[in-house]
Structures are given as structure tokens and as C-alpha cells.
Amino acid sequence: MSDREALLPVVGKYVEHRKRRFYVHSKIYQGPFSEVYIVTEGGQRYAMKTEKVHGATRRILKLDVLVLSQINRNEASEGFPHVIIAGRTPFYKYCVMQLVGPDLGRLRRALPNKRLSLASALRISIQTLNRLETLHDNGWLCRDVKANNYAVGRGKNASIIYMFDFGFARRYVDENGNLLEQGRSSDLVGTILYAPLSAHNFTEQCRRDDLESWLYMTIETISGSLPWSSLNPKTEYMLIGEWKRFARYSGRWELFRGCPKEFDEILKSIDGIGFNTRPDYRLIRTYIEDAMTRLKISCSEPFEWEQDRLILRKASVMGDRGESDLATSKLQKLEAAAAFNDEEYNIDTTL
């Protein structure tokens, strides 16, 4: 261990900074330049996300703090983790924030057939759409909308879907609220499976593009996969882009397989949004609500994980790609432990 690594947070030790003292309970994520821990202070549990001062090629934590702090100041901030404190030491930057539950990607893969019920999927789609509307109305684009960047709440907030991880976020308005001019070209930003056509065309993204990614994510939540899910994003990203174009024409039926018929109108609505036009979020919500009414889906019934906490436990040990057998094995070991604690495993592992 280098001298710098020795000065990073250590499990079982305290982190003291700016008159705050957090006990580092466990590490739940480790990447090349950032780590996430569960920490406690005064009996309260939080997530502490850290980023090394030296060596980090992308300053992701700063964007997380900027976006969440701005939204936290507004009344309409439900569904965004609250920032408790943020700062830096000579060796790492940190942000202590509200601890949330498993992300929607892991949660879906923890279910039988890797699918949520249609009732849950449609209700989740409304909440995730609402989060995007809030983000956009605060002047930010996400540019990486996917299930792994949404998570369920903990305890009494288990029915609330939270949005987090803004490493690719970008302002689309200046400090005076004026729309920024559209750039001529851009890098392919985001996660390829859910990236909008603009990303595949290497053009600047706008609010419409976040909604396009949201639609792909929602379709996957309903159907369990996308038509291009089997393709390799690293080597076949051009073919994935062609699939998305094909889905606008004769491939439309395959894209919406298993989805309510109203989703065809949602795609038409999204594709018709101009670069600087505010999306009609209410219209999209209306299409979803119409589908729920037609299918006699209640807004008040509990989600699967509220009825069966085993789903949350399994999701908390689920791998990035959904290694269900390994997750089951881990879960059995956890359940065999004498000191098993329900709340211990109702955590997010990708903050």
C-alpha cells in the first residue's frame, strides 16, 4: 500500500474532516479512481463517495455534487439523494449523501425471468420520467440514462425511485437561463445500449435525447431486453445504432414487443421534439396513464420488493451483468450468518 493509499478511508476507522466524524462501516464499490463506502454518524447511515485527487482522468464527483446540491435546494427534489456534506482532503475528494437501495438494473435481474410486472414497470416509468423533468428544469442533461442510475429508496421510502450518478451530466443553459448553442459535433457519450441516435451520429445531445434513452430503458424494464441487447457495445456499436434507426420503420414491432400500444405514440412524441424545445412530459405521462387505465393497473398496489424483501437482498449481491447463480450462492451464505440484518443488504452498490 502506498503512502497515498494509506490516507484514503479505511473500513473500521473514522474519517474526521470539517468538524464531522464518520465511521467507515464497509466498502461497497471500488473503481480505478473512486470508491464508495457505507459510513455512520450519530446512528445515521450514509453513502460516502470518494475520488482520488491524483490520477483521476474524469472529475465525476464534482458533477454529482453540483447537480444534487442544486436540486436539493429546490422544493421539488423528491427522488434525488440529499447531500450531507462534501469536501476534500489533500488525497481525496468526498461526498457524503443519503444512502439508497439497489439500483433498478440489479433489481430487475434479481427477479424471475429478469422482468418486473407490467404494473411495476409502468409506475416506475412515470417516476423515472419525473426525475428527468426535474433534472432538465434545473438546467442539466443527464446523457447517461439507464436503470443502473436509478435506485429504490430504503425503509419507508422503498416506493420512491431515486436518480443518481451524474458523471456525464452537462448544462444546456448558461447562468442566466439562456439556451446554449448547439455544437456541430460531439463524442459518443453515455452507455451504448441506451444511447440516443444523436450520440451514434456524434452530434450534440439535448433533452429529447435523454427521453429517447429513457424510453429504451423503460422498454427493457417491461420486456426484459432490447432487440440489440445481444450485441457487443464495444465492437458492434455501429450495428446497435442501425438497429435503433431500423426500429423507427419496419423494426418498430420488435422494439415494442410486449409493450402497451401507447408506447408507439410516446416514440412519435419524443422523435418530434426540437433541439431547443422543452419536451411535453405531461403528454408522455398521459400516454402511460392511459395504458394503465386501459389495462386496469392500480397506482396504489405495492411493488414486488415491498412485498418480498428477499428481492432486495438478492439484488444487493447481484453482479453488474446479473450473475444470478453467484448471487443466490452469496445470498445463502448471508442468510446462514447468525448476525444477518435486513437493512445491511438494502444498499446501492454503484453510487
Protein backbone atom coordinates (compact mmCIF):
# COMPACT_ATOMS: atom_id res chain seq x y z
CA MET A 1 0.00 0.00 0.00
CA SER A 2 1.41 3.40 -1.00
CA ASP A 3 1.53 6.37 1.38
CA ARG A 4 -1.33 7.99 -0.53
CA GLU A 5 -3.49 4.85 -0.36
CA ALA A 6 -2.84 4.63 3.36
CA LEU A 7 -4.50 8.03 3.78
CA LEU A 8 -7.71 7.01 1.99
CA PRO A 9 -10.74 5.95 4.09
CA VAL A 10 -10.22 2.61 5.83
CA VAL A 11 -13.02 0.24 6.88
CA GLY A 12 -13.24 0.12 10.66
CA LYS A 13 -11.70 3.58 11.10
CA TYR A 14 -13.09 7.10 11.40
CA VAL A 15 -12.93 9.87 8.82
CA GLU A 16 -12.69 13.27 10.50
CA HIS A 17 -12.93 16.43 8.47
CA ARG A 18 -14.54 19.86 8.84
CA LYS A 19 -15.78 19.08 12.36
CA ARG A 20 -17.60 15.94 11.18
CA ARG A 21 -16.72 12.38 12.21
CA PHE A 22 -17.88 9.41 10.15
CA TYR A 23 -17.24 5.77 10.97
CA VAL A 24 -16.39 3.76 7.84
CA HIS A 25 -18.60 0.69 8.09
CA SER A 26 -17.91 -1.07 4.78
CA LYS A 27 -16.79 -0.55 1.19
CA ILE A 28 -19.48 -1.23 -1.40
CA TYR A 29 -17.76 -0.15 -4.61
CA GLN A 30 -14.20 0.23 -5.84
CA GLY A 31 -13.19 1.61 -9.22
CA PRO A 32 -9.89 2.83 -10.66
CA PHE A 33 -10.30 6.36 -9.30
CA SER A 34 -13.29 6.29 -6.94
CA GLU A 35 -14.66 4.27 -4.05
CA VAL A 36 -17.99 4.19 -2.21
CA TYR A 37 -18.44 3.34 1.46
CA ILE A 38 -21.25 2.99 3.95
CA VAL A 39 -20.50 5.35 6.81
CA THR A 40 -22.32 6.17 10.03
CA GLU A 41 -22.59 9.29 12.16
CA GLY A 42 -24.77 9.54 15.24
CA GLY A 43 -26.61 6.35 14.37
CA GLN A 44 -27.43 7.52 10.83
CA ARG A 45 -26.14 5.59 7.81
CA TYR A 46 -24.95 7.36 4.68
CA ALA A 47 -23.07 6.66 1.47
CA MET A 48 -19.63 8.27 1.16
CA LYS A 49 -18.34 8.56 -2.38
CA THR A 50 -14.65 9.38 -2.74
CA GLU A 51 -12.47 10.32 -5.69
CA LYS A 52 -8.69 10.39 -5.68
CA VAL A 53 -7.15 13.84 -6.10
CA HIS A 54 -4.26 12.44 -8.12
CA GLY A 55 -4.72 10.22 -11.17
CA ALA A 56 -8.44 10.64 -11.89
CA THR A 57 -8.92 11.32 -15.61
CA ARG A 58 -12.55 12.45 -15.29
CA ARG A 59 -13.80 14.57 -12.40
CA ILE A 60 -17.09 12.77 -11.83
CA LEU A 61 -17.64 13.61 -8.16
CA LYS A 62 -17.73 17.36 -8.80
CA LEU A 63 -20.65 16.89 -11.19
CA ASP A 64 -22.51 14.71 -8.69
CA VAL A 65 -22.16 17.39 -6.02
CA LEU A 66 -23.10 20.26 -8.35
CA VAL A 67 -26.24 18.57 -9.68
CA LEU A 68 -27.51 17.16 -6.40
CA SER A 69 -26.76 20.33 -4.39
CA GLN A 70 -28.68 22.47 -6.86
CA ILE A 71 -31.69 20.16 -6.91
CA ASN A 72 -31.63 19.71 -3.12
CA ARG A 73 -32.14 23.48 -2.74
CA ASN A 74 -35.48 23.27 -4.54
CA GLU A 75 -38.77 22.10 -3.09
CA ALA A 76 -39.31 19.63 -5.95
CA SER A 77 -36.36 17.43 -5.02
CA GLU A 78 -38.07 14.11 -4.26
CA GLY A 79 -36.22 11.20 -5.75
CA PHE A 80 -32.72 12.71 -5.57
CA PRO A 81 -30.32 11.72 -2.74
CA HIS A 82 -29.64 14.52 -0.28
CA VAL A 83 -26.05 15.72 0.00
CA ILE A 84 -24.99 15.79 3.65
CA ILE A 85 -21.51 17.25 3.25
CA ALA A 86 -18.84 17.43 0.57
CA GLY A 87 -15.21 18.44 0.70
CA ARG A 88 -11.65 17.38 0.05
CA THR A 89 -8.51 16.33 1.85
CA PRO A 90 -5.00 16.50 0.32
CA PHE A 91 -5.52 12.99 -1.07
CA TYR A 92 -9.19 12.56 -1.96
CA LYS A 93 -12.44 14.39 -2.54
CA TYR A 94 -15.56 13.10 -0.86
CA CYS A 95 -19.31 13.48 -0.78
CA VAL A 96 -21.48 12.08 1.99
CA MET A 97 -25.04 11.59 0.80
CA GLN A 98 -28.29 9.82 1.55
CA LEU A 99 -27.99 6.03 1.31
CA VAL A 100 -30.37 4.42 -1.17
CA GLY A 101 -31.29 0.85 -2.07
CA PRO A 102 -30.33 -1.39 -5.01
CA ASP A 103 -30.36 0.11 -8.49
CA LEU A 104 -33.13 -0.81 -10.91
CA GLY A 105 -30.81 -2.81 -13.16
CA ARG A 106 -29.78 -5.18 -10.38
CA LEU A 107 -33.32 -5.26 -9.05
CA ARG A 108 -34.74 -6.38 -12.39
CA ARG A 109 -32.06 -9.04 -12.83
CA ALA A 110 -32.82 -10.39 -9.35
CA LEU A 111 -36.40 -11.22 -10.39
CA PRO A 112 -37.66 -14.40 -12.08
CA ASN A 113 -37.20 -14.08 -15.87
CA LYS A 114 -35.37 -10.79 -15.16
CA ARG A 115 -38.62 -8.89 -15.59
CA LEU A 116 -40.76 -6.68 -13.41
CA SER A 117 -44.52 -6.93 -13.58
CA LEU A 118 -46.07 -4.61 -16.16
CA ALA A 119 -47.79 -2.73 -13.34
CA SER A 120 -44.47 -2.04 -11.61
CA ALA A 121 -42.66 -1.21 -14.85
CA LEU A 122 -45.24 1.40 -15.88
CA ARG A 123 -45.32 3.02 -12.45
CA ILE A 124 -41.52 3.11 -12.40
CA SER A 125 -41.55 4.72 -15.85
CA ILE A 126 -43.61 7.62 -14.52
CA GLN A 127 -41.24 8.19 -11.60
CA THR A 128 -38.10 7.99 -13.74
CA LEU A 129 -39.67 10.40 -16.24
CA ASN A 130 -40.47 12.79 -13.39
CA ARG A 131 -36.82 12.70 -12.29
CA LEU A 132 -35.70 13.64 -15.78
CA GLU A 133 -38.16 16.51 -15.88
CA THR A 134 -36.77 17.83 -12.60
CA LEU A 135 -33.19 17.45 -13.81
CA HIS A 136 -33.96 19.24 -17.08
CA ASP A 137 -35.87 22.05 -15.37
CA ASN A 138 -32.74 22.66 -13.29
CA GLY A 139 -30.73 23.20 -16.46
CA TRP A 140 -28.97 19.83 -16.71
CA LEU A 141 -28.85 16.99 -19.22
CA CYS A 142 -28.05 13.50 -17.93
CA ARG A 143 -26.61 11.98 -21.15
CA ASP A 144 -26.42 8.55 -19.50
CA VAL A 145 -29.99 7.49 -18.68
CA LYS A 146 -30.08 3.82 -17.69
CA ALA A 147 -31.55 1.59 -14.99
CA ASN A 148 -28.24 1.44 -13.10
CA ASN A 149 -28.53 5.18 -12.44
CA TYR A 150 -31.87 4.84 -10.67
CA ALA A 151 -32.37 3.12 -7.32
CA VAL A 152 -35.16 2.32 -4.89
CA GLY A 153 -35.35 4.01 -1.53
CA ARG A 154 -34.79 2.36 1.83
CA GLY A 155 -37.28 1.61 4.58
CA LYS A 156 -40.36 3.82 4.42
CA ASN A 157 -39.07 5.29 1.13
CA ALA A 158 -38.97 1.92 -0.65
CA SER A 159 -41.66 3.04 -3.12
CA ILE A 160 -39.64 6.09 -4.22
CA ILE A 161 -37.28 5.81 -7.20
CA TYR A 162 -34.08 7.87 -6.83
CA MET A 163 -31.88 9.22 -9.60
CA PHE A 164 -28.12 9.47 -9.05
CA ASP A 165 -24.70 9.31 -10.73
CA PHE A 166 -24.30 12.37 -12.95
CA GLY A 167 -20.81 11.71 -14.30
CA PHE A 168 -21.85 12.62 -17.87
CA ALA A 169 -24.17 15.49 -16.96
CA ARG A 170 -23.90 18.75 -18.87
CA ARG A 171 -25.51 22.17 -18.58
CA TYR A 172 -27.68 23.12 -21.55
CA VAL A 173 -28.36 26.66 -20.30
CA ASP A 174 -25.98 29.36 -19.08
CA GLU A 175 -26.06 31.01 -15.65
CA ASN A 176 -28.82 33.35 -16.85
CA GLY A 177 -31.01 30.52 -18.11
CA ASN A 178 -30.28 31.14 -21.78
CA LEU A 179 -30.10 28.07 -24.01
CA LEU A 180 -26.59 27.22 -25.17
CA GLU A 181 -25.97 26.98 -28.89
CA GLN A 182 -25.95 23.55 -30.49
CA GLY A 183 -22.45 22.28 -31.20
CA ARG A 184 -21.61 20.76 -34.57
CA SER A 185 -20.09 17.54 -33.25
CA SER A 186 -19.66 15.60 -30.02
CA ASP A 187 -18.13 12.42 -28.67
CA LEU A 188 -20.25 9.30 -28.33
CA VAL A 189 -21.31 9.93 -24.73
CA GLY A 190 -23.26 7.55 -22.49
CA THR A 191 -23.96 3.83 -22.37
CA ILE A 192 -24.19 2.40 -25.91
CA LEU A 193 -27.20 0.13 -25.35
CA TYR A 194 -29.35 3.12 -24.33
CA ALA A 195 -27.58 5.93 -26.20
CA PRO A 196 -29.82 8.09 -28.43
CA LEU A 197 -29.39 8.36 -32.18
CA SER A 198 -27.70 11.74 -31.69
CA ALA A 199 -24.88 10.01 -29.81
CA HIS A 200 -24.46 7.45 -32.60
CA ASN A 201 -24.35 10.36 -35.07
CA PHE A 202 -21.70 12.11 -32.91
CA THR A 203 -23.87 15.21 -32.58
CA GLU A 204 -24.70 17.32 -29.53
CA GLN A 205 -27.40 15.95 -27.25
CA CYS A 206 -30.48 17.73 -25.89
CA ARG A 207 -33.43 16.99 -23.60
CA ARG A 208 -35.08 14.93 -26.33
CA ASP A 209 -32.12 12.54 -26.29
CA ASP A 210 -32.42 11.88 -22.55
CA LEU A 211 -36.04 10.91 -23.19
CA GLU A 212 -35.04 8.59 -26.02
CA SER A 213 -32.62 6.80 -23.68
CA TRP A 214 -35.35 6.75 -21.02
CA LEU A 215 -37.68 5.02 -23.49
CA TYR A 216 -35.11 2.32 -24.29
CA MET A 217 -34.57 1.78 -20.55
CA THR A 218 -38.33 1.55 -19.97
CA ILE A 219 -38.82 -0.94 -22.81
CA GLU A 220 -36.08 -3.12 -21.33
CA THR A 221 -37.75 -2.90 -17.91
CA ILE A 222 -41.04 -4.12 -19.44
CA SER A 223 -39.74 -6.72 -21.89
CA GLY A 224 -36.57 -7.86 -20.12
CA SER A 225 -34.34 -6.94 -23.08
CA LEU A 226 -33.93 -4.75 -26.14
CA PRO A 227 -33.72 -6.07 -29.73
CA TRP A 228 -29.99 -5.24 -29.73
CA SER A 229 -29.19 -6.47 -26.19
CA SER A 230 -27.18 -9.44 -27.51
CA LEU A 231 -24.78 -7.21 -29.47
CA ASN A 232 -21.39 -6.21 -28.06
CA PRO A 233 -21.45 -2.45 -27.33
CA LYS A 234 -17.66 -2.17 -27.67
CA THR A 235 -17.32 -3.78 -31.09
CA GLU A 236 -20.82 -3.54 -32.57
CA TYR A 237 -21.90 -0.03 -31.56
CA MET A 238 -22.49 0.90 -35.21
CA LEU A 239 -24.82 -2.07 -35.64
CA ILE A 240 -26.67 -1.05 -32.46
CA GLY A 241 -27.14 2.41 -33.98
CA GLU A 242 -28.51 0.84 -37.17
CA TRP A 243 -30.95 -1.19 -35.08
CA LYS A 244 -32.26 1.98 -33.47
CA ARG A 245 -32.81 3.53 -36.90
CA PHE A 246 -34.48 0.34 -38.13
CA ALA A 247 -36.79 0.48 -35.08
CA ARG A 248 -38.29 3.69 -36.49
CA TYR A 249 -39.57 1.76 -39.50
CA SER A 250 -40.23 -1.96 -40.07
CA GLY A 251 -38.43 -2.91 -36.85
CA ARG A 252 -40.90 -0.95 -34.75
CA TRP A 253 -43.00 -4.02 -33.90
CA GLU A 254 -39.95 -5.82 -32.49
CA LEU A 255 -38.89 -2.82 -30.40
CA PHE A 256 -42.33 -2.60 -28.79
CA ARG A 257 -42.91 -6.34 -28.38
CA GLY A 258 -44.63 -6.83 -25.02
CA CYS A 259 -45.21 -3.09 -24.52
CA PRO A 260 -48.59 -1.33 -24.37
CA LYS A 261 -49.70 0.08 -27.73
CA GLU A 262 -49.45 3.61 -26.32
CA PHE A 263 -45.64 3.35 -26.48
CA ASP A 264 -45.73 3.84 -30.24
CA GLU A 265 -47.21 7.30 -29.63
CA ILE A 266 -44.56 8.00 -26.99
CA LEU A 267 -41.77 7.37 -29.51
CA LYS A 268 -43.50 9.60 -32.08
CA SER A 269 -43.77 12.33 -29.46
CA ILE A 270 -40.09 12.07 -28.50
CA ASP A 271 -38.84 11.99 -32.09
CA GLY A 272 -40.82 15.15 -32.83
CA ILE A 273 -39.09 17.26 -30.15
CA GLY A 274 -36.79 20.01 -31.47
CA PHE A 275 -33.25 20.55 -30.17
CA ASN A 276 -34.15 23.56 -28.01
CA THR A 277 -37.78 22.62 -27.36
CA ARG A 278 -38.94 21.72 -23.86
CA PRO A 279 -40.41 18.19 -24.05
CA ASP A 280 -44.09 17.72 -23.25
CA TYR A 281 -43.54 15.50 -20.22
CA ARG A 282 -47.23 15.72 -19.32
CA LEU A 283 -48.24 14.26 -22.68
CA ILE A 284 -45.87 11.31 -22.23
CA ARG A 285 -47.22 10.72 -18.71
CA THR A 286 -50.75 10.81 -20.13
CA TYR A 287 -49.91 8.03 -22.60
CA ILE A 288 -48.58 5.88 -19.75
CA GLU A 289 -51.60 6.64 -17.56
CA ASP A 290 -53.93 5.81 -20.47
CA ALA A 291 -52.23 2.43 -20.78
CA MET A 292 -52.59 1.82 -17.04
CA THR A 293 -56.30 2.72 -17.16
CA ARG A 294 -56.93 0.50 -20.18
CA LEU A 295 -55.10 -2.41 -18.52
CA LYS A 296 -56.80 -1.76 -15.15
CA ILE A 297 -53.48 -1.20 -13.35
CA SER A 298 -53.72 0.46 -9.95
CA CYS A 299 -51.27 3.17 -8.91
CA SER A 300 -51.51 2.14 -5.27
CA GLU A 301 -50.52 -1.53 -5.33
CA PRO A 302 -47.12 -2.28 -3.75
CA PHE A 303 -44.00 -3.02 -5.79
CA GLU A 304 -42.57 -6.57 -5.79
CA TRP A 305 -39.72 -5.63 -3.44
CA GLU A 306 -42.17 -4.15 -0.94
CA GLN A 307 -43.96 -7.49 -0.74
CA ASP A 308 -40.86 -9.69 -0.74
CA ARG A 309 -37.71 -8.29 0.86
CA LEU A 310 -35.75 -11.27 -0.40
CA ILE A 311 -35.68 -9.49 -3.77
CA LEU A 312 -33.78 -6.56 -2.24
CA ARG A 313 -31.31 -8.88 -0.55
CA LYS A 314 -30.63 -10.76 -3.75
CA ALA A 315 -30.32 -7.53 -5.76
CA SER A 316 -27.72 -6.19 -3.31
CA VAL A 317 -25.33 -9.05 -4.16
CA MET A 318 -26.18 -9.18 -7.87
CA GLY A 319 -23.24 -8.54 -10.20
CA ASP A 320 -23.10 -5.89 -12.90
CA ARG A 321 -24.17 -8.36 -15.58
CA GLY A 322 -26.64 -10.26 -13.45
CA GLU A 323 -24.78 -13.38 -12.30
CA SER A 324 -27.90 -14.85 -10.70
CA ASP A 325 -26.36 -18.18 -9.66
CA LEU A 326 -23.50 -16.44 -7.92
CA ALA A 327 -25.92 -14.01 -6.30
CA THR A 328 -28.03 -16.88 -4.98
CA SER A 329 -24.93 -18.53 -3.52
CA LYS A 330 -23.88 -15.30 -1.83
CA LEU A 331 -27.39 -14.79 -0.51
CA GLN A 332 -27.49 -18.27 1.01
CA LYS A 333 -24.25 -17.56 2.83
CA LEU A 334 -25.60 -14.27 4.11
CA GLU A 335 -28.81 -15.86 5.34
CA ALA A 336 -26.81 -18.53 7.14
CA ALA A 337 -24.93 -15.89 9.11
CA ALA A 338 -26.21 -15.51 12.66
CA ALA A 339 -25.98 -11.74 12.62
CA PHE A 340 -27.98 -11.27 9.44
CA ASN A 341 -29.52 -7.80 9.33
CA ASP A 342 -32.23 -6.84 6.81
CA GLU A 343 -31.04 -3.26 6.49
CA GLU A 344 -27.44 -4.34 5.94
CA TYR A 345 -28.14 -5.52 2.42
CA ASN A 346 -30.70 -2.99 1.30
CA ILE A 347 -27.97 -0.84 -0.22
CA ASP A 348 -26.90 0.51 -3.55
CA THR A 349 -23.61 -0.78 -4.91
CA THR A 350 -22.96 1.62 -7.77
CA LEU A 351 -23.26 5.15 -6.39
